[in-house]
Amino acid sequence: MKKRHLMAGLGALMVMGGCTPSSQVDNVAGQASVYEDPSSSGRVQGVGIESQDVVAMTDEMMRDMLSNRILAARDVPPRIIIDNEYFRNESSSIINTNLLTDRLRVELNRAANGRMVFVGRHFADMVEKERELKRDGAVDGGTIRRTQATAGGDYRLGGRIASLDAMDRNSQTRSRYHQVTFEMIDLELGTIVWSGSYEMKKASQDNVLYR
């Protein structure tokens, strides 16, 4: 009898104190996420290419292209291809070049307001599959005209990212100079109809990991 009362008392104490196996898990909350302005320097900074650099250089290239008469002042808007197919990263920085070409294309397309036509060559496979379905009669023809072929480009973006590194072993300070080159190529003649470049140099003692 005493044994039953003792077990019941222990069970009540466990329920009241929350002493169940799951309550032993350490569930201390971490630091909450903080939103940062991508066009300004954030809390984590290094010598690589960061969000504020992507925003600054694509904005500058966009404005420069819009002031180029060959690209933005033709009676018939030119067809332009902007993707990362011919945009090379030859620097010591890790960066997805799509961050540059995608933002440049999207912002330029919005700002050009019809003065340029952008060919989505990176979506060519999607377009060809749909065209094949239409011509085989598997789906209807849609609401726009049929064409003999998909749109060809007049100009295409090329470029590269290069860098030069220096290290002060005494202070453990790392310095990196970046040169980012953008060029628009005539797809018939191979001539360069527009060029732009962006330069920056950073120094830091912190070893920031870029992924």
N, C-alpha and C. Protein backbone atom coordinates (compact mmCIF):
# COMPACT_ATOMS: atom_id res chain seq x y z
N MET A 1 0.84 -1.21 0.00
CA MET A 1 0.00 0.00 0.00
C MET A 1 0.86 1.24 0.00
N LYS A 2 1.87 1.25 0.87
CA LYS A 2 2.76 2.40 0.92
C LYS A 2 3.51 2.56 -0.40
N LYS A 3 3.83 1.41 -1.03
CA LYS A 3 4.57 1.46 -2.30
C LYS A 3 3.74 2.12 -3.38
N ARG A 4 2.42 1.79 -3.44
CA ARG A 4 1.55 2.38 -4.45
C ARG A 4 1.44 3.88 -4.24
N HIS A 5 1.32 4.33 -2.99
CA HIS A 5 1.22 5.76 -2.70
C HIS A 5 2.51 6.49 -3.10
N LEU A 6 3.66 5.85 -2.89
CA LEU A 6 4.94 6.45 -3.23
C LEU A 6 5.08 6.63 -4.74
N MET A 7 4.69 5.63 -5.51
CA MET A 7 4.76 5.70 -6.98
C MET A 7 3.82 6.78 -7.51
N ALA A 8 2.64 6.86 -6.92
CA ALA A 8 1.67 7.88 -7.37
C ALA A 8 2.21 9.27 -7.10
N GLY A 9 2.85 9.44 -5.92
CA GLY A 9 3.41 10.75 -5.59
C GLY A 9 4.51 11.15 -6.53
N LEU A 10 5.38 10.22 -6.89
CA LEU A 10 6.47 10.50 -7.83
C LEU A 10 5.92 10.88 -9.20
N GLY A 11 4.86 10.18 -9.63
CA GLY A 11 4.26 10.50 -10.93
C GLY A 11 3.69 11.89 -10.95
N ALA A 12 3.06 12.31 -9.85
CA ALA A 12 2.48 13.66 -9.79
C ALA A 12 3.56 14.71 -9.85
N LEU A 13 4.68 14.46 -9.16
CA LEU A 13 5.77 15.42 -9.17
C LEU A 13 6.36 15.57 -10.57
N MET A 14 6.48 14.45 -11.29
CA MET A 14 7.01 14.51 -12.66
C MET A 14 6.12 15.32 -13.58
N VAL A 15 4.80 15.14 -13.44
CA VAL A 15 3.86 15.89 -14.28
C VAL A 15 3.92 17.37 -13.94
N MET A 16 3.94 17.70 -12.64
CA MET A 16 3.96 19.10 -12.22
C MET A 16 5.27 19.78 -12.63
N GLY A 17 6.38 19.05 -12.54
CA GLY A 17 7.67 19.65 -12.86
C GLY A 17 8.05 19.55 -14.32
N GLY A 18 7.20 18.88 -15.11
CA GLY A 18 7.51 18.75 -16.52
C GLY A 18 8.70 17.85 -16.77
N CYS A 19 8.96 16.89 -15.89
CA CYS A 19 10.14 16.05 -16.00
C CYS A 19 9.85 14.85 -16.88
N THR A 20 9.52 15.10 -18.12
CA THR A 20 9.36 14.03 -19.10
C THR A 20 10.60 13.98 -19.95
N PRO A 21 10.85 12.86 -20.65
CA PRO A 21 12.07 12.76 -21.46
C PRO A 21 12.25 13.90 -22.45
N SER A 22 11.13 14.40 -23.06
CA SER A 22 11.25 15.47 -24.05
C SER A 22 11.65 16.79 -23.44
N SER A 23 11.38 16.97 -22.14
CA SER A 23 11.69 18.25 -21.51
C SER A 23 13.18 18.42 -21.26
N GLN A 24 13.97 17.35 -21.48
CA GLN A 24 15.40 17.44 -21.26
C GLN A 24 16.14 18.06 -22.44
N VAL A 25 15.44 18.28 -23.57
CA VAL A 25 16.06 18.85 -24.77
C VAL A 25 16.34 20.34 -24.56
N ASP A 26 17.56 20.75 -24.83
CA ASP A 26 17.95 22.15 -24.71
C ASP A 26 17.41 22.91 -25.91
N ASN A 27 16.42 23.74 -25.69
CA ASN A 27 15.75 24.43 -26.79
C ASN A 27 15.96 25.94 -26.66
N VAL A 28 17.18 26.36 -26.36
CA VAL A 28 17.48 27.78 -26.22
C VAL A 28 17.40 28.45 -27.59
N ALA A 29 16.64 29.51 -27.67
CA ALA A 29 16.46 30.20 -28.96
C ALA A 29 17.75 30.88 -29.39
N GLY A 30 18.04 30.83 -30.73
CA GLY A 30 19.21 31.51 -31.28
C GLY A 30 18.89 32.96 -31.60
N GLN A 31 19.86 33.65 -32.18
CA GLN A 31 19.65 35.05 -32.54
C GLN A 31 18.72 35.15 -33.74
N ALA A 32 17.78 36.03 -33.67
CA ALA A 32 16.81 36.19 -34.75
C ALA A 32 17.47 36.74 -36.01
N SER A 33 16.93 36.35 -37.17
CA SER A 33 17.45 36.86 -38.43
C SER A 33 17.21 38.37 -38.54
N VAL A 34 18.11 39.05 -39.19
CA VAL A 34 18.01 40.50 -39.36
C VAL A 34 18.02 40.82 -40.85
N TYR A 35 17.02 41.53 -41.33
CA TYR A 35 17.00 41.96 -42.72
C TYR A 35 17.98 43.10 -42.92
N GLU A 36 18.72 43.05 -44.04
CA GLU A 36 19.68 44.09 -44.35
C GLU A 36 19.42 44.64 -45.75
N ASP A 37 19.78 45.88 -45.97
CA ASP A 37 19.64 46.50 -47.28
C ASP A 37 20.71 45.91 -48.21
N PRO A 38 20.31 45.21 -49.30
CA PRO A 38 21.31 44.60 -50.18
C PRO A 38 22.20 45.59 -50.90
N SER A 39 21.80 46.87 -50.92
CA SER A 39 22.61 47.87 -51.60
C SER A 39 23.62 48.54 -50.68
N SER A 40 23.67 48.11 -49.42
CA SER A 40 24.63 48.69 -48.48
C SER A 40 25.44 47.59 -47.82
N SER A 41 26.55 47.96 -47.19
CA SER A 41 27.40 46.98 -46.53
C SER A 41 26.67 46.36 -45.35
N GLY A 42 26.75 45.05 -45.24
CA GLY A 42 26.08 44.35 -44.16
C GLY A 42 27.01 44.13 -42.98
N ARG A 43 26.56 43.33 -42.02
CA ARG A 43 27.35 43.06 -40.82
C ARG A 43 28.57 42.18 -41.14
N VAL A 44 28.40 41.29 -42.13
CA VAL A 44 29.49 40.40 -42.51
C VAL A 44 30.15 40.97 -43.76
N GLN A 45 31.42 41.34 -43.64
CA GLN A 45 32.12 41.97 -44.76
C GLN A 45 33.49 41.31 -44.95
N GLY A 46 33.87 41.19 -46.19
CA GLY A 46 35.18 40.65 -46.53
C GLY A 46 35.73 41.35 -47.76
N VAL A 47 36.62 40.68 -48.47
CA VAL A 47 37.24 41.30 -49.65
C VAL A 47 36.62 40.80 -50.94
N GLY A 48 35.61 39.93 -50.87
CA GLY A 48 34.98 39.40 -52.07
C GLY A 48 33.91 40.31 -52.63
N ILE A 49 33.23 39.84 -53.67
CA ILE A 49 32.12 40.58 -54.29
C ILE A 49 30.87 40.30 -53.48
N GLU A 50 30.24 41.37 -52.97
CA GLU A 50 29.09 41.23 -52.08
C GLU A 50 27.86 41.89 -52.71
N SER A 51 26.74 41.79 -52.01
CA SER A 51 25.47 42.24 -52.58
C SER A 51 25.49 43.69 -53.01
N GLN A 52 26.11 44.57 -52.19
CA GLN A 52 26.15 45.99 -52.56
C GLN A 52 26.97 46.22 -53.83
N ASP A 53 27.96 45.36 -54.08
CA ASP A 53 28.76 45.47 -55.30
C ASP A 53 27.94 45.05 -56.52
N VAL A 54 27.17 43.97 -56.36
CA VAL A 54 26.31 43.51 -57.45
C VAL A 54 25.31 44.58 -57.84
N VAL A 55 24.66 45.19 -56.83
CA VAL A 55 23.66 46.23 -57.09
C VAL A 55 24.31 47.45 -57.74
N ALA A 56 25.45 47.89 -57.22
CA ALA A 56 26.11 49.09 -57.73
C ALA A 56 26.58 48.92 -59.16
N MET A 57 27.24 47.80 -59.46
CA MET A 57 27.81 47.65 -60.81
C MET A 57 26.73 47.41 -61.86
N THR A 58 25.68 46.65 -61.54
CA THR A 58 24.63 46.43 -62.53
C THR A 58 23.83 47.71 -62.78
N ASP A 59 23.61 48.51 -61.73
CA ASP A 59 22.94 49.79 -61.93
C ASP A 59 23.76 50.71 -62.83
N GLU A 60 25.07 50.74 -62.61
CA GLU A 60 25.94 51.59 -63.43
C GLU A 60 25.97 51.12 -64.88
N MET A 61 26.05 49.80 -65.10
CA MET A 61 26.08 49.27 -66.46
C MET A 61 24.75 49.52 -67.17
N MET A 62 23.65 49.39 -66.44
CA MET A 62 22.33 49.62 -67.02
C MET A 62 22.21 51.05 -67.51
N ARG A 63 22.60 52.02 -66.69
CA ARG A 63 22.50 53.43 -67.09
C ARG A 63 23.39 53.71 -68.30
N ASP A 64 24.55 53.11 -68.33
CA ASP A 64 25.47 53.34 -69.44
C ASP A 64 24.94 52.75 -70.74
N MET A 65 24.35 51.57 -70.67
CA MET A 65 23.78 50.96 -71.88
C MET A 65 22.62 51.78 -72.42
N LEU A 66 21.79 52.31 -71.53
CA LEU A 66 20.64 53.09 -71.96
C LEU A 66 21.05 54.40 -72.63
N SER A 67 22.27 54.86 -72.36
CA SER A 67 22.77 56.08 -73.00
C SER A 67 23.50 55.80 -74.31
N ASN A 68 23.65 54.52 -74.67
CA ASN A 68 24.34 54.14 -75.90
C ASN A 68 23.35 54.14 -77.06
N ARG A 69 23.62 54.93 -78.08
CA ARG A 69 22.67 55.09 -79.18
C ARG A 69 22.52 53.82 -80.01
N ILE A 70 23.55 53.03 -80.11
CA ILE A 70 23.44 51.79 -80.89
C ILE A 70 22.46 50.82 -80.23
N LEU A 71 22.47 50.80 -78.92
CA LEU A 71 21.62 49.86 -78.20
C LEU A 71 20.23 50.39 -77.88
N ALA A 72 20.11 51.67 -77.65
CA ALA A 72 18.85 52.19 -77.11
C ALA A 72 18.21 53.29 -77.95
N ALA A 73 18.72 53.55 -79.15
CA ALA A 73 18.13 54.64 -79.94
C ALA A 73 17.87 54.23 -81.39
N ARG A 74 17.73 52.94 -81.65
CA ARG A 74 17.44 52.48 -83.01
C ARG A 74 15.95 52.56 -83.30
N ASP A 75 15.62 52.78 -84.57
CA ASP A 75 14.21 52.80 -84.95
C ASP A 75 13.55 51.45 -84.69
N VAL A 76 14.28 50.38 -85.01
CA VAL A 76 13.82 49.02 -84.69
C VAL A 76 14.61 48.54 -83.48
N PRO A 77 13.95 48.26 -82.37
CA PRO A 77 14.69 47.85 -81.16
C PRO A 77 15.54 46.61 -81.42
N PRO A 78 16.79 46.64 -81.02
CA PRO A 78 17.65 45.48 -81.24
C PRO A 78 17.28 44.33 -80.30
N ARG A 79 17.58 43.12 -80.77
CA ARG A 79 17.37 41.94 -79.94
C ARG A 79 18.67 41.65 -79.19
N ILE A 80 18.58 41.55 -77.88
CA ILE A 80 19.77 41.45 -77.05
C ILE A 80 19.68 40.21 -76.16
N ILE A 81 20.80 39.53 -76.04
CA ILE A 81 20.90 38.35 -75.17
C ILE A 81 21.83 38.69 -74.01
N ILE A 82 21.29 38.61 -72.80
CA ILE A 82 22.10 38.84 -71.60
C ILE A 82 21.94 37.63 -70.69
N ASP A 83 22.97 36.81 -70.61
CA ASP A 83 23.02 35.68 -69.69
C ASP A 83 24.48 35.44 -69.32
N ASN A 84 24.75 34.39 -68.58
CA ASN A 84 26.12 34.19 -68.11
C ASN A 84 26.91 33.19 -68.95
N GLU A 85 26.39 32.85 -70.13
CA GLU A 85 27.05 31.86 -70.99
C GLU A 85 28.48 32.27 -71.34
N TYR A 86 28.68 33.55 -71.60
CA TYR A 86 30.01 34.04 -71.97
C TYR A 86 30.54 35.06 -70.97
N PHE A 87 30.06 34.93 -69.73
CA PHE A 87 30.52 35.81 -68.66
C PHE A 87 31.35 34.96 -67.70
N ARG A 88 32.65 35.17 -67.67
CA ARG A 88 33.57 34.29 -66.95
C ARG A 88 34.04 34.91 -65.62
N ASN A 89 34.15 34.05 -64.64
CA ASN A 89 34.77 34.46 -63.37
C ASN A 89 36.18 33.91 -63.32
N GLU A 90 37.16 34.76 -63.57
CA GLU A 90 38.57 34.37 -63.52
C GLU A 90 39.26 34.94 -62.28
N SER A 91 38.47 35.38 -61.33
CA SER A 91 39.01 35.99 -60.12
C SER A 91 39.17 34.95 -59.02
N SER A 92 39.75 35.36 -57.90
CA SER A 92 39.88 34.49 -56.75
C SER A 92 38.65 34.55 -55.85
N SER A 93 37.65 35.32 -56.25
CA SER A 93 36.40 35.41 -55.48
C SER A 93 35.41 34.37 -55.96
N ILE A 94 34.63 33.85 -55.04
CA ILE A 94 33.56 32.92 -55.38
C ILE A 94 32.28 33.71 -55.57
N ILE A 95 31.70 33.62 -56.76
CA ILE A 95 30.43 34.31 -57.03
C ILE A 95 29.69 33.60 -58.15
N ASN A 96 28.39 33.49 -58.00
CA ASN A 96 27.53 32.97 -59.06
C ASN A 96 27.30 34.12 -60.05
N THR A 97 27.85 34.00 -61.26
CA THR A 97 27.75 35.10 -62.23
C THR A 97 26.32 35.39 -62.66
N ASN A 98 25.40 34.46 -62.40
CA ASN A 98 23.99 34.74 -62.69
C ASN A 98 23.48 35.92 -61.87
N LEU A 99 24.08 36.15 -60.69
CA LEU A 99 23.66 37.30 -59.89
C LEU A 99 23.85 38.60 -60.66
N LEU A 100 24.91 38.68 -61.44
CA LEU A 100 25.20 39.88 -62.23
C LEU A 100 24.33 39.95 -63.48
N THR A 101 24.34 38.88 -64.27
CA THR A 101 23.65 38.93 -65.55
C THR A 101 22.13 38.95 -65.40
N ASP A 102 21.61 38.22 -64.42
CA ASP A 102 20.16 38.22 -64.22
C ASP A 102 19.66 39.59 -63.78
N ARG A 103 20.35 40.18 -62.81
CA ARG A 103 19.90 41.50 -62.34
C ARG A 103 20.05 42.55 -63.43
N LEU A 104 21.14 42.48 -64.19
CA LEU A 104 21.33 43.45 -65.27
C LEU A 104 20.23 43.31 -66.31
N ARG A 105 19.91 42.09 -66.70
CA ARG A 105 18.87 41.87 -67.72
C ARG A 105 17.50 42.33 -67.24
N VAL A 106 17.14 41.97 -66.02
CA VAL A 106 15.82 42.32 -65.50
C VAL A 106 15.66 43.83 -65.35
N GLU A 107 16.64 44.48 -64.75
CA GLU A 107 16.55 45.93 -64.56
C GLU A 107 16.63 46.68 -65.87
N LEU A 108 17.43 46.20 -66.80
CA LEU A 108 17.54 46.86 -68.11
C LEU A 108 16.26 46.68 -68.90
N ASN A 109 15.67 45.52 -68.82
CA ASN A 109 14.40 45.26 -69.53
C ASN A 109 13.31 46.19 -69.01
N ARG A 110 13.28 46.41 -67.71
CA ARG A 110 12.27 47.30 -67.13
C ARG A 110 12.53 48.75 -67.52
N ALA A 111 13.78 49.17 -67.48
CA ALA A 111 14.10 50.57 -67.74
C ALA A 111 14.06 50.91 -69.23
N ALA A 112 14.37 49.93 -70.10
CA ALA A 112 14.41 50.20 -71.54
C ALA A 112 13.04 50.52 -72.10
N ASN A 113 11.99 49.95 -71.50
CA ASN A 113 10.62 50.27 -71.88
C ASN A 113 10.39 50.13 -73.39
N GLY A 114 10.84 49.01 -73.95
CA GLY A 114 10.60 48.73 -75.37
C GLY A 114 11.71 49.15 -76.30
N ARG A 115 12.69 49.90 -75.81
CA ARG A 115 13.80 50.32 -76.67
C ARG A 115 14.76 49.18 -76.99
N MET A 116 14.69 48.11 -76.22
CA MET A 116 15.46 46.90 -76.47
C MET A 116 14.52 45.71 -76.32
N VAL A 117 14.79 44.66 -77.10
CA VAL A 117 14.04 43.41 -76.96
C VAL A 117 15.02 42.35 -76.48
N PHE A 118 14.66 41.62 -75.43
CA PHE A 118 15.58 40.66 -74.84
C PHE A 118 15.19 39.24 -75.20
N VAL A 119 16.15 38.51 -75.74
CA VAL A 119 15.94 37.13 -76.15
C VAL A 119 16.31 36.22 -74.98
N GLY A 120 15.38 35.37 -74.56
CA GLY A 120 15.64 34.47 -73.43
C GLY A 120 16.32 33.20 -73.90
N ARG A 121 17.55 33.30 -74.35
CA ARG A 121 18.26 32.14 -74.87
C ARG A 121 18.43 31.06 -73.81
N HIS A 122 18.48 31.45 -72.54
CA HIS A 122 18.59 30.47 -71.47
C HIS A 122 17.29 29.69 -71.28
N PHE A 123 16.22 30.10 -71.98
CA PHE A 123 14.95 29.38 -71.97
C PHE A 123 14.68 28.70 -73.30
N ALA A 124 15.70 28.54 -74.14
CA ALA A 124 15.53 28.00 -75.49
C ALA A 124 14.91 26.61 -75.48
N ASP A 125 15.31 25.77 -74.55
CA ASP A 125 14.78 24.41 -74.48
C ASP A 125 13.29 24.42 -74.18
N MET A 126 12.84 25.30 -73.28
CA MET A 126 11.43 25.41 -72.95
C MET A 126 10.62 25.84 -74.17
N VAL A 127 11.14 26.80 -74.93
CA VAL A 127 10.44 27.31 -76.10
C VAL A 127 10.33 26.23 -77.18
N GLU A 128 11.42 25.50 -77.42
CA GLU A 128 11.42 24.47 -78.45
C GLU A 128 10.43 23.35 -78.13
N LYS A 129 10.32 22.98 -76.86
CA LYS A 129 9.38 21.93 -76.47
C LYS A 129 7.94 22.36 -76.73
N GLU A 130 7.63 23.61 -76.41
CA GLU A 130 6.27 24.11 -76.63
C GLU A 130 5.96 24.23 -78.12
N ARG A 131 6.94 24.70 -78.90
CA ARG A 131 6.74 24.80 -80.36
C ARG A 131 6.49 23.43 -80.98
N GLU A 132 7.21 22.44 -80.48
CA GLU A 132 7.03 21.08 -81.00
C GLU A 132 5.65 20.53 -80.69
N LEU A 133 5.16 20.78 -79.48
CA LEU A 133 3.81 20.35 -79.10
C LEU A 133 2.76 21.01 -79.98
N LYS A 134 2.91 22.29 -80.27
CA LYS A 134 1.95 23.01 -81.12
C LYS A 134 1.93 22.47 -82.53
N ARG A 135 3.11 22.25 -83.10
CA ARG A 135 3.19 21.80 -84.48
C ARG A 135 2.80 20.35 -84.66
N ASP A 136 2.89 19.56 -83.59
CA ASP A 136 2.42 18.17 -83.65
C ASP A 136 0.93 18.06 -83.39
N GLY A 137 0.29 19.17 -83.04
CA GLY A 137 -1.14 19.17 -82.77
C GLY A 137 -1.50 18.66 -81.38
N ALA A 138 -0.52 18.47 -80.51
CA ALA A 138 -0.80 18.00 -79.15
C ALA A 138 -1.46 19.08 -78.32
N VAL A 139 -1.19 20.35 -78.63
CA VAL A 139 -1.85 21.48 -78.00
C VAL A 139 -2.26 22.45 -79.10
N ASP A 140 -3.13 23.41 -78.76
CA ASP A 140 -3.53 24.36 -79.79
C ASP A 140 -2.41 25.36 -80.05
N GLY A 141 -2.63 26.22 -81.01
CA GLY A 141 -1.57 27.13 -81.44
C GLY A 141 -1.36 28.36 -80.59
N GLY A 142 -2.10 28.47 -79.48
CA GLY A 142 -1.97 29.66 -78.65
C GLY A 142 -2.65 30.85 -79.29
N THR A 143 -2.35 32.04 -78.80
CA THR A 143 -3.01 33.25 -79.29
C THR A 143 -2.08 34.18 -80.06
N ILE A 144 -0.80 33.81 -80.18
CA ILE A 144 0.13 34.64 -80.95
C ILE A 144 0.54 33.92 -82.21
N ARG A 145 1.11 34.67 -83.16
CA ARG A 145 1.44 34.12 -84.47
C ARG A 145 2.52 33.04 -84.37
N ARG A 146 2.52 32.16 -85.37
CA ARG A 146 3.59 31.17 -85.48
C ARG A 146 4.72 31.75 -86.32
N THR A 147 5.92 31.36 -86.02
CA THR A 147 7.07 31.82 -86.79
C THR A 147 7.86 30.62 -87.30
N GLN A 148 8.65 30.85 -88.32
CA GLN A 148 9.47 29.77 -88.87
C GLN A 148 10.56 29.34 -87.89
N ALA A 149 11.08 30.28 -87.15
CA ALA A 149 12.15 29.98 -86.21
C ALA A 149 12.03 30.90 -84.99
N THR A 150 12.76 30.58 -83.95
CA THR A 150 12.79 31.45 -82.77
C THR A 150 13.66 32.67 -83.06
N ALA A 151 13.54 33.65 -82.21
CA ALA A 151 14.22 34.93 -82.44
C ALA A 151 15.74 34.79 -82.34
N GLY A 152 16.42 35.36 -83.31
CA GLY A 152 17.87 35.42 -83.25
C GLY A 152 18.30 36.72 -82.58
N GLY A 153 19.50 36.73 -82.03
CA GLY A 153 19.99 37.91 -81.34
C GLY A 153 20.84 38.80 -82.22
N ASP A 154 20.79 40.10 -81.99
CA ASP A 154 21.67 41.06 -82.66
C ASP A 154 22.95 41.27 -81.86
N TYR A 155 22.79 41.34 -80.52
CA TYR A 155 23.93 41.59 -79.64
C TYR A 155 23.84 40.64 -78.45
N ARG A 156 25.01 40.28 -77.93
CA ARG A 156 25.04 39.40 -76.76
C ARG A 156 26.12 39.87 -75.80
N LEU A 157 25.79 39.77 -74.50
CA LEU A 157 26.72 40.21 -73.47
C LEU A 157 27.82 39.18 -73.23
N GLY A 158 29.03 39.67 -73.12
CA GLY A 158 30.16 38.87 -72.69
C GLY A 158 30.90 39.65 -71.62
N GLY A 159 31.86 39.00 -70.97
CA GLY A 159 32.62 39.73 -69.96
C GLY A 159 33.40 38.79 -69.08
N ARG A 160 34.11 39.37 -68.14
CA ARG A 160 34.88 38.57 -67.20
C ARG A 160 35.12 39.34 -65.90
N ILE A 161 35.37 38.57 -64.85
CA ILE A 161 35.76 39.12 -63.56
C ILE A 161 37.20 38.69 -63.31
N ALA A 162 38.08 39.65 -63.05
CA ALA A 162 39.48 39.37 -62.75
C ALA A 162 39.83 40.01 -61.41
N SER A 163 40.88 39.50 -60.77
CA SER A 163 41.24 40.04 -59.46
C SER A 163 42.75 39.97 -59.26
N LEU A 164 43.20 40.77 -58.29
CA LEU A 164 44.60 40.80 -57.88
C LEU A 164 44.63 40.86 -56.36
N ASP A 165 45.30 39.87 -55.72
CA ASP A 165 45.32 39.77 -54.27
C ASP A 165 46.67 40.18 -53.69
N ALA A 166 46.62 40.73 -52.48
CA ALA A 166 47.84 41.04 -51.72
C ALA A 166 47.59 40.71 -50.26
N MET A 167 48.67 40.32 -49.55
CA MET A 167 48.54 39.91 -48.15
C MET A 167 49.67 40.50 -47.32
N ASP A 168 49.31 41.19 -46.25
CA ASP A 168 50.28 41.70 -45.28
C ASP A 168 50.35 40.69 -44.13
N ARG A 169 51.44 39.92 -44.08
CA ARG A 169 51.53 38.84 -43.09
C ARG A 169 51.66 39.38 -41.66
N ASN A 170 52.21 40.57 -41.50
CA ASN A 170 52.38 41.13 -40.16
C ASN A 170 51.05 41.47 -39.51
N SER A 171 50.20 42.14 -40.27
CA SER A 171 48.89 42.54 -39.72
C SER A 171 47.78 41.58 -40.10
N GLN A 172 48.11 40.57 -40.91
CA GLN A 172 47.12 39.61 -41.39
C GLN A 172 45.98 40.30 -42.14
N THR A 173 46.34 41.37 -42.85
CA THR A 173 45.36 42.11 -43.65
C THR A 173 45.43 41.63 -45.10
N ARG A 174 44.28 41.30 -45.65
CA ARG A 174 44.18 40.85 -47.03
C ARG A 174 43.55 41.95 -47.88
N SER A 175 44.11 42.17 -49.05
CA SER A 175 43.58 43.17 -49.98
C SER A 175 43.27 42.49 -51.30
N ARG A 176 42.15 42.88 -51.91
CA ARG A 176 41.78 42.32 -53.22
C ARG A 176 41.22 43.41 -54.12
N TYR A 177 41.79 43.47 -55.32
CA TYR A 177 41.33 44.40 -56.36
C TYR A 177 40.54 43.61 -57.40
N HIS A 178 39.34 44.10 -57.70
CA HIS A 178 38.50 43.46 -58.72
C HIS A 178 38.35 44.37 -59.93
N GLN A 179 38.37 43.77 -61.08
CA GLN A 179 38.02 44.47 -62.33
C GLN A 179 36.98 43.62 -63.04
N VAL A 180 35.78 44.19 -63.20
CA VAL A 180 34.67 43.48 -63.83
C VAL A 180 34.38 44.16 -65.16
N THR A 181 34.49 43.40 -66.25
CA THR A 181 34.33 43.95 -67.59
C THR A 181 33.06 43.41 -68.23
N PHE A 182 32.27 44.32 -68.78
CA PHE A 182 31.06 43.97 -69.53
C PHE A 182 31.23 44.44 -70.97
N GLU A 183 30.88 43.59 -71.96
CA GLU A 183 30.98 44.00 -73.36
C GLU A 183 29.82 43.42 -74.16
N MET A 184 29.28 44.24 -75.06
CA MET A 184 28.18 43.81 -75.91
C MET A 184 28.74 43.55 -77.31
N ILE A 185 28.50 42.33 -77.81
CA ILE A 185 29.10 41.88 -79.05
C ILE A 185 28.06 41.83 -80.17
N ASP A 186 28.43 42.37 -81.35
CA ASP A 186 27.61 42.25 -82.55
C ASP A 186 27.69 40.79 -83.02
N LEU A 187 26.55 40.09 -83.08
CA LEU A 187 26.54 38.67 -83.37
C LEU A 187 26.65 38.34 -84.86
N GLU A 188 26.80 39.32 -85.71
CA GLU A 188 27.10 39.09 -87.13
C GLU A 188 28.54 39.44 -87.44
N LEU A 189 29.01 40.58 -86.97
CA LEU A 189 30.36 41.05 -87.28
C LEU A 189 31.39 40.64 -86.24
N GLY A 190 30.94 40.39 -85.02
CA GLY A 190 31.87 40.09 -83.95
C GLY A 190 32.52 41.33 -83.35
N THR A 191 32.03 42.49 -83.71
CA THR A 191 32.58 43.74 -83.17
C THR A 191 31.97 44.04 -81.80
N ILE A 192 32.67 44.86 -81.04
CA ILE A 192 32.20 45.26 -79.71
C ILE A 192 31.52 46.63 -79.86
N VAL A 193 30.23 46.67 -79.60
CA VAL A 193 29.47 47.91 -79.80
C VAL A 193 29.35 48.72 -78.51
N TRP A 194 29.64 48.09 -77.40
CA TRP A 194 29.57 48.79 -76.12
C TRP A 194 30.46 48.07 -75.11
N SER A 195 31.15 48.85 -74.28
CA SER A 195 31.98 48.28 -73.21
C SER A 195 31.76 49.07 -71.93
N GLY A 196 31.85 48.37 -70.82
CA GLY A 196 31.78 49.01 -69.52
C GLY A 196 32.62 48.22 -68.53
N SER A 197 33.17 48.90 -67.55
CA SER A 197 33.97 48.20 -66.54
C SER A 197 33.68 48.79 -65.17
N TYR A 198 33.90 47.97 -64.17
CA TYR A 198 33.67 48.36 -62.78
C TYR A 198 34.86 47.89 -61.97
N GLU A 199 35.42 48.79 -61.17
CA GLU A 199 36.59 48.46 -60.37
C GLU A 199 36.32 48.70 -58.89
N MET A 200 36.92 47.88 -58.06
CA MET A 200 36.83 48.09 -56.62
C MET A 200 38.02 47.41 -55.95
N LYS A 201 38.39 47.93 -54.79
CA LYS A 201 39.49 47.37 -54.02
C LYS A 201 39.09 47.37 -52.55
N LYS A 202 39.26 46.23 -51.89
CA LYS A 202 38.86 46.08 -50.50
C LYS A 202 40.01 45.50 -49.68
N ALA A 203 40.05 45.86 -48.42
CA ALA A 203 41.02 45.31 -47.48
C ALA A 203 40.29 44.90 -46.21
N SER A 204 40.71 43.77 -45.64
CA SER A 204 40.05 43.28 -44.44
C SER A 204 40.98 42.34 -43.68
N GLN A 205 40.81 42.31 -42.37
CA GLN A 205 41.55 41.37 -41.53
C GLN A 205 40.74 40.14 -41.24
N ASP A 206 39.48 40.16 -41.55
CA ASP A 206 38.60 39.03 -41.27
C ASP A 206 38.64 38.04 -42.43
N ASN A 207 38.55 36.80 -42.09
CA ASN A 207 38.54 35.74 -43.10
C ASN A 207 37.09 35.31 -43.34
N VAL A 208 36.39 36.01 -44.23
CA VAL A 208 34.99 35.74 -44.51
C VAL A 208 34.91 34.64 -45.56
N LEU A 209 34.02 33.67 -45.32
CA LEU A 209 33.85 32.56 -46.24
C LEU A 209 32.68 32.85 -47.18
N TYR A 210 32.95 32.82 -48.49
CA TYR A 210 31.92 33.05 -49.50
C TYR A 210 31.51 31.71 -50.12
N ARG A 211 30.22 31.56 -50.32
CA ARG A 211 29.72 30.32 -50.93
C ARG A 211 28.71 30.63 -52.01
